Structures are given as structure tokens and as C-alpha cells.
Amino acid sequence: MEAAPAPLAEEDALASLEDRIKRAVDLVAQLRAERDAAVAELDSIKKAAGSAMGESQKLRQEVETLRGERKQVKTRIEKLLGQMELL
């Protein structure tokens, strides 16, 4: 009669092992899904950063152009003021 508990203990150990393996598989699947989501988010952020960098460069060029135009306008106004003083 003492032989019966040994197979039961083996079944419990096997069930416990099976349960731990199942949890490990679930955890790996969850971690893979999280990794995939993080990679997708990173790709999205990289695209947004690239777009922002392009826009930033475009705005810098526009500012430089506007500064040059402002300088030209200032020079022309100063000339006009100088001519008005002569009158």
C-alpha cells in the first residue's frame, strides 16, 4: 500500500514542472509581444525625429533668409532716411 503514494508524488512533481513550463512559455510570449511593441514604438519615434530634424533644418534656412532680407530692408531704409535729410 505504500507504493501508491510514490506515483502520486511523481504526478505532482510532473504537474508542477508542467505548470512552471507553461508559465515560462506564457512569460516568453508576453516579453516577445512587449519587445515587438517597443521596437514598433522606437521605429515610430525615429521617423518622427527624422521628420522633426528635416523641419528644423528648413526653418533654420528660412530664418537665415529672413535675416538677410531684414538687413537689406534696413540698409534701404537708412539710405532713404539719409536722402530725406538732404532735402
Protein backbone atom coordinates (compact mmCIF):
# COMPACT_ATOMS: atom_id res chain seq x y z
CA MET A 1 0.00 0.00 0.00
CA GLU A 2 2.98 2.30 0.41
CA ALA A 3 3.82 2.05 -3.30
CA ALA A 4 0.77 4.16 -4.26
CA PRO A 5 1.99 7.48 -2.79
CA ALA A 6 5.20 7.43 -4.88
CA PRO A 7 3.42 7.62 -8.26
CA LEU A 8 1.17 10.34 -6.83
CA ALA A 9 4.23 12.33 -5.76
CA GLU A 10 5.74 11.86 -9.21
CA GLU A 11 2.49 13.07 -10.79
CA ASP A 12 2.51 16.12 -8.52
CA ALA A 13 6.14 16.86 -9.42
CA LEU A 14 5.35 16.39 -13.10
CA ALA A 15 2.28 18.62 -12.83
CA SER A 16 4.32 21.24 -11.01
CA LEU A 17 7.01 21.09 -13.68
CA GLU A 18 4.38 21.29 -16.41
CA ASP A 19 2.84 24.32 -14.69
CA ARG A 20 6.21 26.08 -14.41
CA ILE A 21 7.00 25.38 -18.07
CA LYS A 22 3.61 26.72 -19.11
CA ARG A 23 4.18 29.91 -17.08
CA ALA A 24 7.65 30.28 -18.62
CA VAL A 25 6.19 29.90 -22.12
CA ASP A 26 3.49 32.48 -21.31
CA LEU A 27 6.12 34.85 -19.94
CA VAL A 28 8.30 34.46 -23.04
CA ALA A 29 5.29 35.15 -25.27
CA GLN A 30 4.41 38.24 -23.23
CA LEU A 31 8.01 39.51 -23.33
CA ARG A 32 8.18 38.99 -27.10
CA ALA A 33 4.96 40.95 -27.56
CA GLU A 34 6.32 43.75 -25.36
CA ARG A 35 9.59 43.74 -27.31
CA ASP A 36 7.73 43.92 -30.62
CA ALA A 37 5.65 46.82 -29.33
CA ALA A 38 8.79 48.60 -28.11
CA VAL A 39 10.50 48.10 -31.47
CA ALA A 40 7.46 49.46 -33.30
CA GLU A 41 7.36 52.46 -30.96
CA LEU A 42 11.08 53.05 -31.49
CA ASP A 43 10.63 52.97 -35.27
CA SER A 44 7.80 55.46 -34.98
CA ILE A 45 9.89 57.75 -32.78
CA LYS A 46 12.83 57.53 -35.20
CA LYS A 47 10.58 58.53 -38.10
CA ALA A 48 9.15 61.43 -36.09
CA ALA A 49 12.65 62.55 -35.09
CA GLY A 50 13.84 62.42 -38.69
CA SER A 51 10.86 64.46 -39.78
CA ALA A 52 11.44 66.97 -37.00
CA MET A 53 15.12 67.29 -37.94
CA GLY A 54 14.17 67.99 -41.55
CA GLU A 55 11.63 70.59 -40.47
CA SER A 56 14.17 72.16 -38.12
CA GLN A 57 16.72 72.49 -40.92
CA LYS A 58 14.09 74.01 -43.20
CA LEU A 59 13.15 76.54 -40.52
CA ARG A 60 16.80 77.45 -39.90
CA GLN A 61 17.26 78.19 -43.58
CA GLU A 62 14.09 80.27 -43.60
CA VAL A 63 15.29 82.27 -40.58
CA GLU A 64 18.63 82.95 -42.28
CA THR A 65 16.83 84.08 -45.43
CA LEU A 66 14.57 86.38 -43.42
CA ARG A 67 17.53 87.85 -41.55
CA GLY A 68 19.23 88.61 -44.84
CA GLU A 69 16.08 90.26 -46.17
CA ARG A 70 15.72 92.27 -42.98
CA LYS A 71 19.29 93.50 -43.31
CA GLN A 72 18.64 94.56 -46.91
CA VAL A 73 15.44 96.39 -45.92
CA LYS A 74 17.26 98.13 -43.06
CA THR A 75 20.01 99.27 -45.41
CA ARG A 76 17.48 100.61 -47.93
CA ILE A 77 15.56 102.45 -45.22
CA GLU A 78 18.77 104.00 -43.90
CA LYS A 79 19.60 105.17 -47.43
CA LEU A 80 16.14 106.67 -47.83
CA LEU A 81 16.41 108.41 -44.47
CA GLY A 82 19.80 109.80 -45.49
CA GLN A 83 18.33 111.14 -48.73
CA MET A 84 15.39 112.68 -46.85
CA GLU A 85 17.83 114.50 -44.57
CA LEU A 86 19.44 116.07 -47.60
CA LEU A 87 16.10 117.60 -48.56
